[in-house]
PDB file of all heavy atoms in Angstrom:
ATOM      1  N   LEU A   1      90.155 -16.825-120.373  1.00  0.00           N
ATOM      2  CA  LEU A   1      91.018 -16.326-121.437  1.00  0.00           C
ATOM      3  C   LEU A   1      90.826 -17.154-122.709  1.00  0.00           C
ATOM      4  O   LEU A   1      90.961 -18.382-122.686  1.00  0.00           O
ATOM      5  CB  LEU A   1      92.484 -16.388-121.005  1.00  0.00           C
ATOM      6  CG  LEU A   1      93.492 -15.842-122.019  1.00  0.00           C
ATOM      7  CD1 LEU A   1      93.346 -14.330-122.167  1.00  0.00           C
ATOM      8  CD2 LEU A   1      94.922 -16.211-121.612  1.00  0.00           C
ATOM      9  N   GLU A   2      90.518 -16.472-123.797  1.00  0.00           N
ATOM     10  CA  GLU A   2      90.473 -17.138-125.095  1.00  0.00           C
ATOM     11  C   GLU A   2      91.887 -17.155-125.665  1.00  0.00           C
ATOM     12  O   GLU A   2      92.502 -16.102-125.861  1.00  0.00           O
ATOM     13  CB  GLU A   2      89.541 -16.406-126.055  1.00  0.00           C
ATOM     14  CG  GLU A   2      89.507 -17.044-127.445  1.00  0.00           C
ATOM     15  CD  GLU A   2      88.716 -16.224-128.456  1.00  0.00           C
ATOM     16  OE1 GLU A   2      87.986 -15.293-128.037  1.00  0.00           O
ATOM     17  OE2 GLU A   2      88.845 -16.506-129.666  1.00  0.00           O
ATOM     18  N   PRO A   3      92.451 -18.330-125.956  1.00  0.00           N
ATOM     19  CA  PRO A   3      93.817 -18.393-126.496  1.00  0.00           C
ATOM     20  C   PRO A   3      93.896 -17.733-127.867  1.00  0.00           C
ATOM     21  O   PRO A   3      92.918 -17.702-128.631  1.00  0.00           O
ATOM     22  CB  PRO A   3      94.101 -19.895-126.575  1.00  0.00           C
ATOM     23  CG  PRO A   3      93.124 -20.516-125.637  1.00  0.00           C
ATOM     24  CD  PRO A   3      91.892 -19.656-125.692  1.00  0.00           C
ATOM     25  N   ASP A   4      95.069 -17.233-128.179  1.00  0.00           N
ATOM     26  CA  ASP A   4      95.322 -16.617-129.474  1.00  0.00           C
ATOM     27  C   ASP A   4      95.433 -17.712-130.536  1.00  0.00           C
ATOM     28  O   ASP A   4      96.313 -18.578-130.455  1.00  0.00           O
ATOM     29  CB  ASP A   4      96.617 -15.805-129.407  1.00  0.00           C
ATOM     30  CG  ASP A   4      96.859 -14.990-130.670  1.00  0.00           C
ATOM     31  OD1 ASP A   4      96.143 -15.210-131.673  1.00  0.00           O
ATOM     32  OD2 ASP A   4      97.769 -14.140-130.647  1.00  0.00           O
ATOM     33  N   ALA A   5      94.534 -17.707-131.497  1.00  0.00           N
ATOM     34  CA  ALA A   5      94.522 -18.745-132.529  1.00  0.00           C
ATOM     35  C   ALA A   5      95.796 -18.737-133.362  1.00  0.00           C
ATOM     36  O   ALA A   5      96.148 -19.747-133.987  1.00  0.00           O
ATOM     37  CB  ALA A   5      93.306 -18.566-133.438  1.00  0.00           C
ATOM     38  N   LYS A   6      96.510 -17.629-133.356  1.00  0.00           N
ATOM     39  CA  LYS A   6      97.740 -17.532-134.143  1.00  0.00           C
ATOM     40  C   LYS A   6      98.935 -18.135-133.419  1.00  0.00           C
ATOM     41  O   LYS A   6      99.999 -18.311-134.011  1.00  0.00           O
ATOM     42  CB  LYS A   6      98.039 -16.068-134.463  1.00  0.00           C
ATOM     43  CG  LYS A   6      96.927 -15.388-135.267  1.00  0.00           C
ATOM     44  CD  LYS A   6      97.246 -13.916-135.479  1.00  0.00           C
ATOM     45  CE  LYS A   6      96.122 -13.206-136.227  1.00  0.00           C
ATOM     46  NZ  LYS A   6      96.398 -11.755-136.391  1.00  0.00           N
ATOM     47  N   ASP A   7      98.762 -18.430-132.126  1.00  0.00           N
ATOM     48  CA  ASP A   7      99.857 -18.976-131.328  1.00  0.00           C
ATOM     49  C   ASP A   7      99.895 -20.490-131.525  1.00  0.00           C
ATOM     50  O   ASP A   7      98.992 -21.219-131.088  1.00  0.00           O
ATOM     51  CB  ASP A   7      99.645 -18.636-129.856  1.00  0.00           C
ATOM     52  CG  ASP A   7     100.848 -19.008-129.003  1.00  0.00           C
ATOM     53  OD1 ASP A   7     101.671 -19.819-129.460  1.00  0.00           O
ATOM     54  OD2 ASP A   7     100.945 -18.498-127.868  1.00  0.00           O
ATOM     55  N   ALA A   8     100.936 -20.980-132.179  1.00  0.00           N
ATOM     56  CA  ALA A   8     101.031 -22.408-132.489  1.00  0.00           C
ATOM     57  C   ALA A   8     101.172 -23.261-131.236  1.00  0.00           C
ATOM     58  O   ALA A   8     100.885 -24.460-131.258  1.00  0.00           O
ATOM     59  CB  ALA A   8     102.222 -22.655-133.421  1.00  0.00           C
ATOM     60  N   THR A   9     101.611 -22.678-130.126  1.00  0.00           N
ATOM     61  CA  THR A   9     101.826 -23.455-128.897  1.00  0.00           C
ATOM     62  C   THR A   9     100.566 -23.520-128.041  1.00  0.00           C
ATOM     63  O   THR A   9     100.573 -24.125-126.972  1.00  0.00           O
ATOM     64  CB  THR A   9     102.958 -22.836-128.069  1.00  0.00           C
ATOM     65  OG1 THR A   9     102.556 -21.529-127.617  1.00  0.00           O
ATOM     66  CG2 THR A   9     104.229 -22.720-128.887  1.00  0.00           C
ATOM     67  N   ALA A  10      99.479 -22.894-128.495  1.00  0.00           N
ATOM     68  CA  ALA A  10      98.293 -22.772-127.652  1.00  0.00           C
ATOM     69  C   ALA A  10      97.200 -23.773-127.996  1.00  0.00           C
ATOM     70  O   ALA A  10      96.053 -23.599-127.584  1.00  0.00           O
ATOM     71  CB  ALA A  10      97.735 -21.346-127.755  1.00  0.00           C
ATOM     72  N   ALA A  11      97.536 -24.835-128.730  1.00  0.00           N
ATOM     73  CA  ALA A  11      96.509 -25.791-129.146  1.00  0.00           C
ATOM     74  C   ALA A  11      95.837 -26.455-127.944  1.00  0.00           C
ATOM     75  O   ALA A  11      94.605 -26.590-127.888  1.00  0.00           O
ATOM     76  CB  ALA A  11      97.122 -26.852-130.058  1.00  0.00           C
ATOM     77  N   ALA A  12      96.637 -26.888-126.944  1.00  0.00           N
ATOM     78  CA  ALA A  12      96.069 -27.547-125.765  1.00  0.00           C
ATOM     79  C   ALA A  12      95.214 -26.575-124.966  1.00  0.00           C
ATOM     80  O   ALA A  12      94.138 -26.934-124.476  1.00  0.00           O
ATOM     81  CB  ALA A  12      97.183 -28.125-124.899  1.00  0.00           C
ATOM     82  N   ALA A  13      95.687 -25.337-124.835  1.00  0.00           N
ATOM     83  CA  ALA A  13      94.909 -24.325-124.126  1.00  0.00           C
ATOM     84  C   ALA A  13      93.604 -24.035-124.850  1.00  0.00           C
ATOM     85  O   ALA A  13      92.574 -23.772-124.222  1.00  0.00           O
ATOM     86  CB  ALA A  13      95.734 -23.047-123.972  1.00  0.00           C
ATOM     87  N   GLN A  14      93.648 -24.100-126.199  1.00  0.00           N
ATOM     88  CA  GLN A  14      92.431 -23.888-126.980  1.00  0.00           C
ATOM     89  C   GLN A  14      91.404 -24.973-126.680  1.00  0.00           C
ATOM     90  O   GLN A  14      90.212 -24.695-126.541  1.00  0.00           O
ATOM     91  CB  GLN A  14      92.780 -23.875-128.477  1.00  0.00           C
ATOM     92  CG  GLN A  14      91.589 -23.610-129.388  1.00  0.00           C
ATOM     93  CD  GLN A  14      91.111 -22.171-129.310  1.00  0.00           C
ATOM     94  OE1 GLN A  14      91.866 -21.279-128.959  1.00  0.00           O
ATOM     95  NE2 GLN A  14      89.838 -21.949-129.620  1.00  0.00           N
ATOM     96  N   ARG A  15      91.871 -26.210-126.540  1.00  0.00           N
ATOM     97  CA  ARG A  15      90.950 -27.307-126.215  1.00  0.00           C
ATOM     98  C   ARG A  15      90.338 -27.094-124.831  1.00  0.00           C
ATOM     99  O   ARG A  15      89.148 -27.349-124.630  1.00  0.00           O
ATOM    100  CB  ARG A  15      91.683 -28.647-126.288  1.00  0.00           C
ATOM    101  CG  ARG A  15      92.015 -29.097-127.719  1.00  0.00           C
ATOM    102  CD  ARG A  15      92.467 -30.542-127.761  1.00  0.00           C
ATOM    103  NE  ARG A  15      93.734 -30.742-127.064  1.00  0.00           N
ATOM    104  CZ  ARG A  15      94.918 -30.611-127.628  1.00  0.00           C
ATOM    105  NH1 ARG A  15      95.005 -30.292-128.926  1.00  0.00           N
ATOM    106  NH2 ARG A  15      96.029 -30.810-126.945  1.00  0.00           N
ATOM    107  N   SER A  16      91.148 -26.637-123.889  1.00  0.00           N
ATOM    108  CA  SER A  16      90.635 -26.367-122.550  1.00  0.00           C
ATOM    109  C   SER A  16      89.586 -25.271-122.587  1.00  0.00           C
ATOM    110  O   SER A  16      88.541 -25.364-121.932  1.00  0.00           O
ATOM    111  CB  SER A  16      91.786 -25.954-121.612  1.00  0.00           C
ATOM    112  OG  SER A  16      92.709 -26.998-121.447  1.00  0.00           O
ATOM    113  N   PHE A  17      89.843 -24.240-123.359  1.00  0.00           N
ATOM    114  CA  PHE A  17      88.893 -23.132-123.482  1.00  0.00           C
ATOM    115  C   PHE A  17      87.567 -23.624-124.055  1.00  0.00           C
ATOM    116  O   PHE A  17      86.483 -23.293-123.557  1.00  0.00           O
ATOM    117  CB  PHE A  17      89.494 -22.040-124.367  1.00  0.00           C
ATOM    118  CG  PHE A  17      88.522 -20.957-124.749  1.00  0.00           C
ATOM    119  CD1 PHE A  17      88.167 -19.970-123.836  1.00  0.00           C
ATOM    120  CD2 PHE A  17      87.951 -20.928-126.015  1.00  0.00           C
ATOM    121  CE1 PHE A  17      87.266 -18.979-124.188  1.00  0.00           C
ATOM    122  CE2 PHE A  17      87.054 -19.940-126.369  1.00  0.00           C
ATOM    123  CZ  PHE A  17      86.708 -18.957-125.451  1.00  0.00           C
ATOM    124  N   LEU A  18      87.641 -24.436-125.111  1.00  0.00           N
ATOM    125  CA  LEU A  18      86.421 -24.934-125.745  1.00  0.00           C
ATOM    126  C   LEU A  18      85.642 -25.848-124.794  1.00  0.00           C
ATOM    127  O   LEU A  18      84.411 -25.845-124.779  1.00  0.00           O
ATOM    128  CB  LEU A  18      86.772 -25.680-127.030  1.00  0.00           C
ATOM    129  CG  LEU A  18      87.368 -24.817-128.149  1.00  0.00           C
ATOM    130  CD1 LEU A  18      87.801 -25.689-129.326  1.00  0.00           C
ATOM    131  CD2 LEU A  18      86.369 -23.756-128.607  1.00  0.00           C
ATOM    132  N   HIS A  19      86.366 -26.628-123.989  1.00  0.00           N
ATOM    133  CA  HIS A  19      85.715 -27.510-123.018  1.00  0.00           C
ATOM    134  C   HIS A  19      84.936 -26.699-121.990  1.00  0.00           C
ATOM    135  O   HIS A  19      83.778 -27.024-121.674  1.00  0.00           O
ATOM    136  CB  HIS A  19      86.762 -28.384-122.330  1.00  0.00           C
ATOM    137  CG  HIS A  19      86.224 -29.201-121.196  1.00  0.00           C
ATOM    138  ND1 HIS A  19      85.315 -30.218-121.366  1.00  0.00           N
ATOM    139  CD2 HIS A  19      86.461 -29.126-119.848  1.00  0.00           C
ATOM    140  CE1 HIS A  19      85.019 -30.746-120.191  1.00  0.00           C
ATOM    141  NE2 HIS A  19      85.691 -30.099-119.256  1.00  0.00           N
ATOM    142  N   VAL A  20      85.542 -25.633-121.482  1.00  0.00           N
ATOM    143  CA  VAL A  20      84.865 -24.799-120.488  1.00  0.00           C
ATOM    144  C   VAL A  20      83.690 -24.077-121.126  1.00  0.00           C
ATOM    145  O   VAL A  20      82.619 -23.945-120.515  1.00  0.00           O
ATOM    146  CB  VAL A  20      85.850 -23.796-119.859  1.00  0.00           C
ATOM    147  CG1 VAL A  20      85.125 -22.884-118.882  1.00  0.00           C
ATOM    148  CG2 VAL A  20      86.978 -24.537-119.153  1.00  0.00           C
ATOM    149  N   ARG A  21      83.860 -23.622-122.358  1.00  0.00           N
ATOM    150  CA  ARG A  21      82.760 -22.944-123.044  1.00  0.00           C
ATOM    151  C   ARG A  21      81.570 -23.883-123.212  1.00  0.00           C
ATOM    152  O   ARG A  21      80.413 -23.490-123.013  1.00  0.00           O
ATOM    153  CB  ARG A  21      83.222 -22.422-124.405  1.00  0.00           C
ATOM    154  CG  ARG A  21      82.162 -21.559-125.105  1.00  0.00           C
ATOM    155  CD  ARG A  21      82.708 -20.926-126.366  1.00  0.00           C
ATOM    156  NE  ARG A  21      82.961 -21.919-127.411  1.00  0.00           N
ATOM    157  CZ  ARG A  21      83.377 -21.614-128.640  1.00  0.00           C
ATOM    158  NH1 ARG A  21      83.602 -20.342-128.965  1.00  0.00           N
ATOM    159  NH2 ARG A  21      83.590 -22.554-129.532  1.00  0.00           N
ATOM    160  N   GLU A  22      81.852 -25.125-123.549  1.00  0.00           N
ATOM    161  CA  GLU A  22      80.775 -26.103-123.687  1.00  0.00           C
ATOM    162  C   GLU A  22      80.083 -26.328-122.345  1.00  0.00           C
ATOM    163  O   GLU A  22      78.848 -26.412-122.277  1.00  0.00           O
ATOM    164  CB  GLU A  22      81.343 -27.425-124.211  1.00  0.00           C
ATOM    165  CG  GLU A  22      80.282 -28.500-124.410  1.00  0.00           C
ATOM    166  CD  GLU A  22      80.886 -29.799-124.924  1.00  0.00           C
ATOM    167  OE1 GLU A  22      82.101 -29.822-125.232  1.00  0.00           O
ATOM    168  OE2 GLU A  22      80.147 -30.792-125.006  1.00  0.00           O
ATOM    169  N   ALA A  23      80.868 -26.428-121.265  1.00  0.00           N
ATOM    170  CA  ALA A  23      80.279 -26.612-119.937  1.00  0.00           C
ATOM    171  C   ALA A  23      79.423 -25.414-119.551  1.00  0.00           C
ATOM    172  O   ALA A  23      78.364 -25.564-118.932  1.00  0.00           O
ATOM    173  CB  ALA A  23      81.384 -26.827-118.907  1.00  0.00           C
ATOM    174  N   PHE A  24      79.861 -24.223-119.929  1.00  0.00           N
ATOM    175  CA  PHE A  24      79.098 -23.011-119.628  1.00  0.00           C
ATOM    176  C   PHE A  24      77.744 -23.050-120.328  1.00  0.00           C
ATOM    177  O   PHE A  24      76.713 -22.730-119.730  1.00  0.00           O
ATOM    178  CB  PHE A  24      79.897 -21.780-120.076  1.00  0.00           C
ATOM    179  CG  PHE A  24      79.177 -20.476-119.846  1.00  0.00           C
ATOM    180  CD1 PHE A  24      79.312 -19.800-118.642  1.00  0.00           C
ATOM    181  CD2 PHE A  24      78.374 -19.918-120.833  1.00  0.00           C
ATOM    182  CE1 PHE A  24      78.649 -18.592-118.440  1.00  0.00           C
ATOM    183  CE2 PHE A  24      77.710 -18.730-120.637  1.00  0.00           C
ATOM    184  CZ  PHE A  24      77.854 -18.058-119.429  1.00  0.00           C
ATOM    185  N   MET A  25      77.745 -23.446-121.580  1.00  0.00           N
ATOM    186  CA  MET A  25      76.495 -23.489-122.321  1.00  0.00           C
ATOM    187  C   MET A  25      75.557 -24.565-121.771  1.00  0.00           C
ATOM    188  O   MET A  25      74.347 -24.365-121.667  1.00  0.00           O
ATOM    189  CB  MET A  25      76.762 -23.736-123.810  1.00  0.00           C
ATOM    190  CG  MET A  25      77.651 -22.667-124.463  1.00  0.00           C
ATOM    191  SD  MET A  25      77.075 -20.965-124.164  1.00  0.00           S
ATOM    192  CE  MET A  25      75.497 -21.003-125.012  1.00  0.00           C
ATOM    193  N   GLU A  26      76.111 -25.709-121.386  1.00  0.00           N
ATOM    194  CA  GLU A  26      75.290 -26.760-120.785  1.00  0.00           C
ATOM    195  C   GLU A  26      74.687 -26.281-119.472  1.00  0.00           C
ATOM    196  O   GLU A  26      73.516 -26.540-119.185  1.00  0.00           O
ATOM    197  CB  GLU A  26      76.138 -28.011-120.538  1.00  0.00           C
ATOM    198  CG  GLU A  26      76.520 -28.766-121.799  1.00  0.00           C
ATOM    199  CD  GLU A  26      77.382 -29.967-121.480  1.00  0.00           C
ATOM    200  OE1 GLU A  26      77.677 -30.182-120.277  1.00  0.00           O
ATOM    201  OE2 GLU A  26      77.773 -30.690-122.406  1.00  0.00           O
ATOM    202  N   ALA A  27      75.499 -25.577-118.669  1.00  0.00           N
ATOM    203  CA  ALA A  27      75.014 -25.085-117.385  1.00  0.00           C
ATOM    204  C   ALA A  27      73.890 -24.082-117.575  1.00  0.00           C
ATOM    205  O   ALA A  27      72.955 -24.015-116.767  1.00  0.00           O
ATOM    206  CB  ALA A  27      76.166 -24.452-116.601  1.00  0.00           C
ATOM    207  N   SER A  28      73.953 -23.306-118.645  1.00  0.00           N
ATOM    208  CA  SER A  28      72.901 -22.323-118.905  1.00  0.00           C
ATOM    209  C   SER A  28      71.588 -23.006-119.256  1.00  0.00           C
ATOM    210  O   SER A  28      70.512 -22.464-118.994  1.00  0.00           O
ATOM    211  CB  SER A  28      73.324 -21.388-120.043  1.00  0.00           C
ATOM    212  OG  SER A  28      74.498 -20.668-119.693  1.00  0.00           O
ATOM    213  N   ASP A  29      71.664 -24.202-119.830  1.00  0.00           N
ATOM    214  CA  ASP A  29      70.458 -24.918-120.236  1.00  0.00           C
ATOM    215  C   ASP A  29      69.921 -25.848-119.159  1.00  0.00           C
ATOM    216  O   ASP A  29      68.768 -26.265-119.211  1.00  0.00           O
ATOM    217  CB  ASP A  29      70.735 -25.741-121.498  1.00  0.00           C
ATOM    218  CG  ASP A  29      71.014 -24.849-122.705  1.00  0.00           C
ATOM    219  OD1 ASP A  29      70.544 -23.699-122.703  1.00  0.00           O
ATOM    220  OD2 ASP A  29      71.709 -25.309-123.626  1.00  0.00           O
ATOM    221  N   ASP A  30      70.761 -26.208-118.175  1.00  0.00           N
ATOM    222  CA  ASP A  30      70.352 -27.171-117.154  1.00  0.00           C
ATOM    223  C   ASP A  30      69.236 -26.617-116.286  1.00  0.00           C
ATOM    224  O   ASP A  30      69.065 -25.406-116.139  1.00  0.00           O
ATOM    225  CB  ASP A  30      71.547 -27.544-116.267  1.00  0.00           C
ATOM    226  CG  ASP A  30      72.452 -28.565-116.935  1.00  0.00           C
ATOM    227  OD1 ASP A  30      72.038 -29.123-117.963  1.00  0.00           O
ATOM    228  OD2 ASP A  30      73.560 -28.793-116.428  1.00  0.00           O
ATOM    229  N   ARG A  31      68.482 -27.545-115.681  1.00  0.00           N
ATOM    230  CA  ARG A  31      67.416 -27.189-114.763  1.00  0.00           C
ATOM    231  C   ARG A  31      67.625 -27.918-113.443  1.00  0.00           C
ATOM    232  O   ARG A  31      68.069 -29.064-113.421  1.00  0.00           O
ATOM    233  CB  ARG A  31      66.035 -27.548-115.335  1.00  0.00           C
ATOM    234  CG  ARG A  31      65.651 -26.797-116.602  1.00  0.00           C
ATOM    235  CD  ARG A  31      65.456 -25.315-116.318  1.00  0.00           C
ATOM    236  NE  ARG A  31      64.953 -24.582-117.472  1.00  0.00           N
ATOM    237  CZ  ARG A  31      65.714 -23.962-118.365  1.00  0.00           C
ATOM    238  NH1 ARG A  31      67.034 -24.037-118.265  1.00  0.00           N
ATOM    239  NH2 ARG A  31      65.168 -23.296-119.369  1.00  0.00           N
ATOM    240  N   ILE A  32      67.297 -27.257-112.347  1.00  0.00           N
ATOM    241  CA  ILE A  32      67.309 -27.899-111.044  1.00  0.00           C
ATOM    242  C   ILE A  32      66.033 -28.728-110.906  1.00  0.00           C
ATOM    243  O   ILE A  32      64.944 -28.289-111.292  1.00  0.00           O
ATOM    244  CB  ILE A  32      67.371 -26.854-109.909  1.00  0.00           C
ATOM    245  CG1 ILE A  32      68.723 -26.122-109.943  1.00  0.00           C
ATOM    246  CG2 ILE A  32      67.161 -27.499-108.556  1.00  0.00           C
ATOM    247  CD1 ILE A  32      69.872 -26.924-109.407  1.00  0.00           C
ATOM    248  N   HIS A  33      66.150 -29.920-110.350  1.00  0.00           N
ATOM    249  CA  HIS A  33      64.996 -30.808-110.233  1.00  0.00           C
ATOM    250  C   HIS A  33      64.179 -30.442-108.992  1.00  0.00           C
ATOM    251  O   HIS A  33      64.245 -31.106-107.955  1.00  0.00           O
ATOM    252  CB  HIS A  33      65.444 -32.263-110.159  1.00  0.00           C
ATOM    253  CG  HIS A  33      64.303 -33.239-110.216  1.00  0.00           C
ATOM    254  ND1 HIS A  33      63.802 -33.745-111.387  1.00  0.00           N
ATOM    255  CD2 HIS A  33      63.544 -33.783-109.243  1.00  0.00           C
ATOM    256  CE1 HIS A  33      62.807 -34.566-111.135  1.00  0.00           C
ATOM    257  NE2 HIS A  33      62.629 -34.614-109.825  1.00  0.00           N
ATOM    258  N   PHE A  34      63.411 -29.364-109.093  1.00  0.00           N
ATOM    259  CA  PHE A  34      62.458 -29.016-108.045  1.00  0.00           C
ATOM    260  C   PHE A  34      61.127 -29.694-108.360  1.00  0.00           C
ATOM    261  O   PHE A  34      60.782 -29.935-109.516  1.00  0.00           O
ATOM    262  CB  PHE A  34      62.239 -27.504-107.973  1.00  0.00           C
ATOM    263  CG  PHE A  34      63.330 -26.764-107.257  1.00  0.00           C
ATOM    264  CD1 PHE A  34      64.187 -25.919-107.947  1.00  0.00           C
ATOM    265  CD2 PHE A  34      63.496 -26.903-105.889  1.00  0.00           C
ATOM    266  CE1 PHE A  34      65.185 -25.222-107.295  1.00  0.00           C
ATOM    267  CE2 PHE A  34      64.500 -26.215-105.230  1.00  0.00           C
ATOM    268  CZ  PHE A  34      65.347 -25.380-105.928  1.00  0.00           C
ATOM    269  N   VAL A  35      60.371 -29.969-107.309  1.00  0.00           N
ATOM    270  CA  VAL A  35      59.024 -30.513-107.469  1.00  0.00           C
ATOM    271  C   VAL A  35      58.040 -29.399-107.178  1.00  0.00           C
ATOM    272  O   VAL A  35      58.155 -28.703-106.162  1.00  0.00           O
ATOM    273  CB  VAL A  35      58.778 -31.689-106.504  1.00  0.00           C
ATOM    274  CG1 VAL A  35      57.345 -32.178-106.615  1.00  0.00           C
ATOM    275  CG2 VAL A  35      59.754 -32.812-106.801  1.00  0.00           C
ATOM    276  N   GLY A  36      57.089 -29.184-108.085  1.00  0.00           N
ATOM    277  CA  GLY A  36      56.103 -28.131-107.849  1.00  0.00           C
ATOM    278  C   GLY A  36      56.089 -27.145-108.986  1.00  0.00           C
ATOM    279  O   GLY A  36      55.970 -27.506-110.155  1.00  0.00           O
ATOM    280  N   ALA A  37      56.242 -25.846-108.655  1.00  0.00           N
ATOM    281  CA  ALA A  37      56.144 -24.787-109.657  1.00  0.00           C
ATOM    282  C   ALA A  37      57.246 -24.935-110.709  1.00  0.00           C
ATOM    283  O   ALA A  37      58.336 -25.412-110.419  1.00  0.00           O
ATOM    284  CB  ALA A  37      56.246 -23.422-108.984  1.00  0.00           C
ATOM    285  N   PRO A  38      56.979 -24.525-111.947  1.00  0.00           N
ATOM    286  CA  PRO A  38      57.986 -24.641-113.006  1.00  0.00           C
ATOM    287  C   PRO A  38      59.149 -23.690-112.774  1.00  0.00           C
ATOM    288  O   PRO A  38      59.053 -22.727-112.012  1.00  0.00           O
ATOM    289  CB  PRO A  38      57.203 -24.262-114.275  1.00  0.00           C
ATOM    290  CG  PRO A  38      56.090 -23.391-113.778  1.00  0.00           C
ATOM    291  CD  PRO A  38      55.716 -23.935-112.433  1.00  0.00           C
ATOM    292  N   ASP A  39      60.244 -23.971-113.438  1.00  0.00           N
ATOM    293  CA  ASP A  39      61.402 -23.096-113.386  1.00  0.00           C
ATOM    294  C   ASP A  39      60.992 -21.715-113.911  1.00  0.00           C
ATOM    295  O   ASP A  39      60.369 -21.612-114.968  1.00  0.00           O
ATOM    296  CB  ASP A  39      62.525 -23.681-114.257  1.00  0.00           C
ATOM    297  CG  ASP A  39      63.849 -22.971-114.052  1.00  0.00           C
ATOM    298  OD1 ASP A  39      63.894 -21.753-114.323  1.00  0.00           O
ATOM    299  OD2 ASP A  39      64.815 -23.617-113.626  1.00  0.00           O
ATOM    300  N   PRO A  40      61.329 -20.628-113.173  1.00  0.00           N
ATOM    301  CA  PRO A  40      60.910 -19.293-113.631  1.00  0.00           C
ATOM    302  C   PRO A  40      61.447 -18.930-114.998  1.00  0.00           C
ATOM    303  O   PRO A  40      60.848 -18.113-115.707  1.00  0.00           O
ATOM    304  CB  PRO A  40      61.464 -18.372-112.538  1.00  0.00           C
ATOM    305  CG  PRO A  40      62.518 -19.161-111.831  1.00  0.00           C
ATOM    306  CD  PRO A  40      62.080 -20.585-111.903  1.00  0.00           C
ATOM    307  N   ARG A  41      62.540 -19.558-115.428  1.00  0.00           N
ATOM    308  CA  ARG A  41      63.078 -19.247-116.750  1.00  0.00           C
ATOM    309  C   ARG A  41      62.223 -19.852-117.860  1.00  0.00           C
ATOM    310  O   ARG A  41      62.379 -19.503-119.018  1.00  0.00           O
ATOM    311  CB  ARG A  41      64.516 -19.758-116.856  1.00  0.00           C
ATOM    312  CG  ARG A  41      65.493 -19.024-115.940  1.00  0.00           C
ATOM    313  CD  ARG A  41      66.832 -19.712-115.926  1.00  0.00           C
ATOM    314  NE  ARG A  41      66.700 -21.070-115.422  1.00  0.00           N
ATOM    315  CZ  ARG A  41      67.508 -22.077-115.772  1.00  0.00           C
ATOM    316  NH1 ARG A  41      68.466 -21.869-116.645  1.00  0.00           N
ATOM    317  NH2 ARG A  41      67.346 -23.272-115.252  1.00  0.00           N
TER     318      ARG A  41
END
């Protein structure tokens, strides 16, 4: 859930949302450390 930016009480929830979004983007870029053939991506 993306918090409503107009909701003054949602500042902490907004920080939580941004933290998860950052983790999602990092996870999309991460690679598993396999030995051998390159990552298919």
